[in-house]
């Protein structure tokens, strides 16, 4: 059995010690990315068209290439990360006095619902099976305080935090997600609100193993500058992608529906598919607004968790709930939601449904409607449920909405 080599940690060099051309590139890419905040957050379908433009194409070793071949084409973690990112930003959970490790613990609570102790064993990850990542020790950069990252451009500090977490792996699992969240939180810290989540997982997936090769080589020889240049050019490609895709921000579906409800109060005539309830709203749009003060985030969090579980057993066509359940900023006792599902494994879904009802009963009154290939049946079931989500007064926000597009929101898992 071949001996595994210990991976080298990333110790951030002083900003002033960087080559002037690299400092210029940092500032250029930072300005491009901040400019990209004027564009909408791309969904999975849009990101599938992203193509990275690396400085040079490197040879990816076979052990990495084999793992790349087996992995999914999408990470399907972006929606969860965006929700946690906006919640963390809204609640200002990261303090300058936190160490990188402590800041990671806080955002991981939103990701996984629990805290965990510092990793106490050595480990190896799938991408770099020839390398051993030693357990964190005193003096490692993961114990540097967030306040030490302030004398350089935000992008440089954000990348430093990202690379420190990736190379130290202080947690037994989920280090990549934690690193991506902290990168985005730090890079957005100068903004008035969490405006744009840079989907690093989806961007690196598009590099066909080059990202993993650059990390592996850097940890092997201890030279991280080629990796930093690679990441800068990847981010530059992303900023150009946003600009070329022309996804300028427009009025969101949720905002549009809230405006329509106000117009109904005033007796204004409307036309189009959303002229009257049930209103159509994409799930990804709800996620985009999850940090708004009027959104009932407790209910939405439960909704997203339930959708992820259901998607293991079938395809979610749409879900019906009340607009007031989504936009009520007060943590209500509970709300109602009905999922319309094409079941691949009906018996297992119905069995798990009972568990879901028990787990979420304090926040959600849950129904699952198993649909068939007969649209008239689904239409009849839908019509029967509409009165349960409709208030007595049309001026109220107690009106039904249909949540759709679960697949593009990353809430449609591959069946087990």
Foldseek 3Di string as FASTA:
>chain_A
DDAFAAFAFDDDDDPVPDDPVVQVLLVVLLVLVVVLLQFDADFPVLLLPFAFDFPDDDDFDPQLLVVLVPDDLDPLCVLLLLLLLQVCQLVVVADQQAFLLRNLQRSVCSVPVDGDDWDDQWDDDSNRNRYIQGGDDPPQSSRHGNNVQDPGQLQSSLVSSLRNQVRNVRDPDDSNSSSQSSSQNSSCVVPPGSRYRDPVRSLVSNSSRPLSRLSNVCRVPVDNVSNVSRVSSSSSSVSVSSVVVPRGDDDAQLNVLVVLLQCVVVVHQDDDPVRDPPAEHALLSLSNCLNPQQFLNVLNVLVLVVLLVLLQFFDFAKKKWAQNLGRHNDNDQETEMETETQGPHVVVSVVVVVVSCVVCVRYYDYHYHHDDPDVVVVVVVVVVCQVVQADPDSSDSSGMYIYHDCVRSSSNDDHD
